[in-house]
């Protein structure tokens, strides 16, 4: 049987390729719904990262007050997902602004 690490790396690489081709083949009209789904997925990541932050460090992990590896990964995941969420909102607002009607200029 194959090493689980090799299987996990293979799945990750395949997911990267599939994700790349899925995102780049989306028509411009679907970018706003795609950003909404991405924000929802990032919200789920934030919940998981906050759970990882709540894990109590082992007694032999070091000095009191230091973070475990799971907690550091939770901090990094929370930060990256937050950037993705807020960036998605900014992109969505700009794209929705493109579809707003222009107000006619008043004649002077």
C-alpha atoms as a PDB file:
ATOM      1  CA  UNK A   1       0.000   0.000   0.000  1.00  0.00           C
ATOM      2  CA  UNK A   2       1.227   3.520  -0.762  1.00  0.00           C
ATOM      3  CA  UNK A   3       2.451   5.953   1.855  1.00  0.00           C
ATOM      4  CA  UNK A   4      -0.419   8.211   3.085  1.00  0.00           C
ATOM      5  CA  UNK A   5       1.816  11.276   2.725  1.00  0.00           C
ATOM      6  CA  UNK A   6       2.320  10.580  -0.991  1.00  0.00           C
ATOM      7  CA  UNK A   7      -1.438  10.100  -1.439  1.00  0.00           C
ATOM      8  CA  UNK A   8      -2.170  13.396   0.352  1.00  0.00           C
ATOM      9  CA  UNK A   9       0.400  15.287  -1.745  1.00  0.00           C
ATOM     10  CA  UNK A  10      -1.044  13.772  -4.927  1.00  0.00           C
ATOM     11  CA  UNK A  11      -4.575  14.821  -3.954  1.00  0.00           C
ATOM     12  CA  UNK A  12      -3.332  18.334  -3.149  1.00  0.00           C
ATOM     13  CA  UNK A  13      -1.544  18.709  -6.502  1.00  0.00           C
ATOM     14  CA  UNK A  14      -4.599  17.445  -8.392  1.00  0.00           C
ATOM     15  CA  UNK A  15      -6.836  19.849  -6.457  1.00  0.00           C
ATOM     16  CA  UNK A  16      -4.537  22.746  -7.409  1.00  0.00           C
ATOM     17  CA  UNK A  17      -4.755  21.856 -11.110  1.00  0.00           C
ATOM     18  CA  UNK A  18      -8.521  21.335 -11.048  1.00  0.00           C
ATOM     19  CA  UNK A  19      -9.041  24.578  -9.108  1.00  0.00           C
ATOM     20  CA  UNK A  20      -6.867  26.513 -11.555  1.00  0.00           C
ATOM     21  CA  UNK A  21      -8.739  25.279 -14.608  1.00  0.00           C
ATOM     22  CA  UNK A  22     -12.167  25.721 -12.995  1.00  0.00           C
ATOM     23  CA  UNK A  23     -11.491  29.325 -11.950  1.00  0.00           C
ATOM     24  CA  UNK A  24      -9.932  30.406 -15.250  1.00  0.00           C
ATOM     25  CA  UNK A  25     -12.752  28.883 -17.321  1.00  0.00           C
ATOM     26  CA  UNK A  26     -15.498  30.841 -15.523  1.00  0.00           C
ATOM     27  CA  UNK A  27     -17.238  33.433 -17.678  1.00  0.00           C
ATOM     28  CA  UNK A  28     -17.093  37.038 -16.394  1.00  0.00           C
ATOM     29  CA  UNK A  29     -20.831  37.017 -15.605  1.00  0.00           C
ATOM     30  CA  UNK A  30     -20.276  34.288 -13.017  1.00  0.00           C
ATOM     31  CA  UNK A  31     -17.369  35.877 -11.141  1.00  0.00           C
ATOM     32  CA  UNK A  32     -19.584  37.547  -8.510  1.00  0.00           C
ATOM     33  CA  UNK A  33     -21.377  34.281  -7.537  1.00  0.00           C
ATOM     34  CA  UNK A  34     -18.007  32.535  -7.553  1.00  0.00           C
ATOM     35  CA  UNK A  35     -16.646  35.134  -5.121  1.00  0.00           C
ATOM     36  CA  UNK A  36     -19.670  34.564  -2.877  1.00  0.00           C
ATOM     37  CA  UNK A  37     -18.962  30.839  -2.763  1.00  0.00           C
ATOM     38  CA  UNK A  38     -15.284  31.531  -2.091  1.00  0.00           C
ATOM     39  CA  UNK A  39     -16.238  33.801   0.807  1.00  0.00           C
ATOM     40  CA  UNK A  40     -18.492  31.086   2.231  1.00  0.00           C
ATOM     41  CA  UNK A  41     -15.697  28.517   2.027  1.00  0.00           C
ATOM     42  CA  UNK A  42     -13.303  30.962   3.688  1.00  0.00           C
ATOM     43  CA  UNK A  43     -15.834  31.467   6.462  1.00  0.00           C
ATOM     44  CA  UNK A  44     -15.800  27.718   7.099  1.00  0.00           C
ATOM     45  CA  UNK A  45     -11.985  27.830   7.146  1.00  0.00           C
ATOM     46  CA  UNK A  46     -12.106  30.585   9.773  1.00  0.00           C
ATOM     47  CA  UNK A  47     -14.356  28.426  11.971  1.00  0.00           C
ATOM     48  CA  UNK A  48     -11.937  25.490  11.668  1.00  0.00           C
ATOM     49  CA  UNK A  49      -8.959  27.743  12.357  1.00  0.00           C
ATOM     50  CA  UNK A  50     -10.627  29.135  15.472  1.00  0.00           C
ATOM     51  CA  UNK A  51     -11.212  25.575  16.668  1.00  0.00           C
ATOM     52  CA  UNK A  52      -7.500  24.873  16.089  1.00  0.00           C
ATOM     53  CA  UNK A  53      -6.661  27.981  18.100  1.00  0.00           C
ATOM     54  CA  UNK A  54      -8.718  26.651  21.005  1.00  0.00           C
ATOM     55  CA  UNK A  55      -6.668  23.455  21.319  1.00  0.00           C
ATOM     56  CA  UNK A  56      -4.859  23.416  24.653  1.00  0.00           C
ATOM     57  CA  UNK A  57      -1.100  22.975  24.256  1.00  0.00           C
ATOM     58  CA  UNK A  58       0.495  19.859  25.713  1.00  0.00           C
ATOM     59  CA  UNK A  59       2.187  20.165  29.079  1.00  0.00           C
ATOM     60  CA  UNK A  60       5.603  19.351  27.623  1.00  0.00           C
ATOM     61  CA  UNK A  61       5.303  21.702  24.621  1.00  0.00           C
ATOM     62  CA  UNK A  62       7.362  24.449  26.192  1.00  0.00           C
ATOM     63  CA  UNK A  63       6.934  27.495  28.338  1.00  0.00           C
ATOM     64  CA  UNK A  64       3.523  28.576  29.540  1.00  0.00           C
ATOM     65  CA  UNK A  65       1.906  31.000  27.123  1.00  0.00           C
ATOM     66  CA  UNK A  66       3.614  29.589  24.023  1.00  0.00           C
ATOM     67  CA  UNK A  67       1.482  28.380  21.155  1.00  0.00           C
ATOM     68  CA  UNK A  68       1.465  24.815  19.831  1.00  0.00           C
ATOM     69  CA  UNK A  69       1.942  23.998  16.161  1.00  0.00           C
ATOM     70  CA  UNK A  70      -1.819  23.556  15.702  1.00  0.00           C
ATOM     71  CA  UNK A  71      -2.424  26.965  17.240  1.00  0.00           C
ATOM     72  CA  UNK A  72       0.166  28.631  14.990  1.00  0.00           C
ATOM     73  CA  UNK A  73      -1.434  27.002  11.958  1.00  0.00           C
ATOM     74  CA  UNK A  74      -4.808  28.259  13.233  1.00  0.00           C
ATOM     75  CA  UNK A  75      -3.422  31.813  13.431  1.00  0.00           C
ATOM     76  CA  UNK A  76      -2.021  31.593   9.888  1.00  0.00           C
ATOM     77  CA  UNK A  77      -5.241  30.056   8.509  1.00  0.00           C
ATOM     78  CA  UNK A  78      -7.361  32.724  10.193  1.00  0.00           C
ATOM     79  CA  UNK A  79      -5.207  35.509   8.743  1.00  0.00           C
ATOM     80  CA  UNK A  80      -5.164  34.115   5.207  1.00  0.00           C
ATOM     81  CA  UNK A  81      -8.887  33.375   5.200  1.00  0.00           C
ATOM     82  CA  UNK A  82      -9.635  36.874   6.528  1.00  0.00           C
ATOM     83  CA  UNK A  83      -7.612  38.417   3.690  1.00  0.00           C
ATOM     84  CA  UNK A  84      -9.518  36.243   1.218  1.00  0.00           C
ATOM     85  CA  UNK A  85     -12.911  37.158   2.699  1.00  0.00           C
ATOM     86  CA  UNK A  86     -12.329  40.907   2.765  1.00  0.00           C
ATOM     87  CA  UNK A  87     -10.663  40.861  -0.653  1.00  0.00           C
ATOM     88  CA  UNK A  88     -13.667  38.967  -2.014  1.00  0.00           C
ATOM     89  CA  UNK A  89     -16.025  41.602  -0.647  1.00  0.00           C
ATOM     90  CA  UNK A  90     -13.974  44.375  -2.254  1.00  0.00           C
ATOM     91  CA  UNK A  91     -13.898  42.606  -5.631  1.00  0.00           C
ATOM     92  CA  UNK A  92     -17.638  41.865  -5.421  1.00  0.00           C
ATOM     93  CA  UNK A  93     -18.450  45.512  -4.663  1.00  0.00           C
ATOM     94  CA  UNK A  94     -16.336  46.701  -7.604  1.00  0.00           C
ATOM     95  CA  UNK A  95     -17.982  44.225  -9.960  1.00  0.00           C
ATOM     96  CA  UNK A  96     -21.481  45.148  -8.793  1.00  0.00           C
ATOM     97  CA  UNK A  97     -20.546  48.809  -9.298  1.00  0.00           C
ATOM     98  CA  UNK A  98     -19.939  48.048 -12.968  1.00  0.00           C
ATOM     99  CA  UNK A  99     -23.606  47.092 -13.370  1.00  0.00           C
ATOM    100  CA  UNK A 100     -25.092  50.176 -11.712  1.00  0.00           C
ATOM    101  CA  UNK A 101     -26.787  52.713 -13.890  1.00  0.00           C
ATOM    102  CA  UNK A 102     -24.890  55.886 -14.481  1.00  0.00           C
ATOM    103  CA  UNK A 103     -26.706  58.925 -13.232  1.00  0.00           C
ATOM    104  CA  UNK A 104     -27.365  61.357 -16.042  1.00  0.00           C
ATOM    105  CA  UNK A 105     -25.475  64.613 -15.824  1.00  0.00           C
ATOM    106  CA  UNK A 106     -27.618  67.659 -15.189  1.00  0.00           C
ATOM    107  CA  UNK A 107     -27.596  70.268 -17.920  1.00  0.00           C
ATOM    108  CA  UNK A 108     -26.191  73.575 -16.822  1.00  0.00           C
END
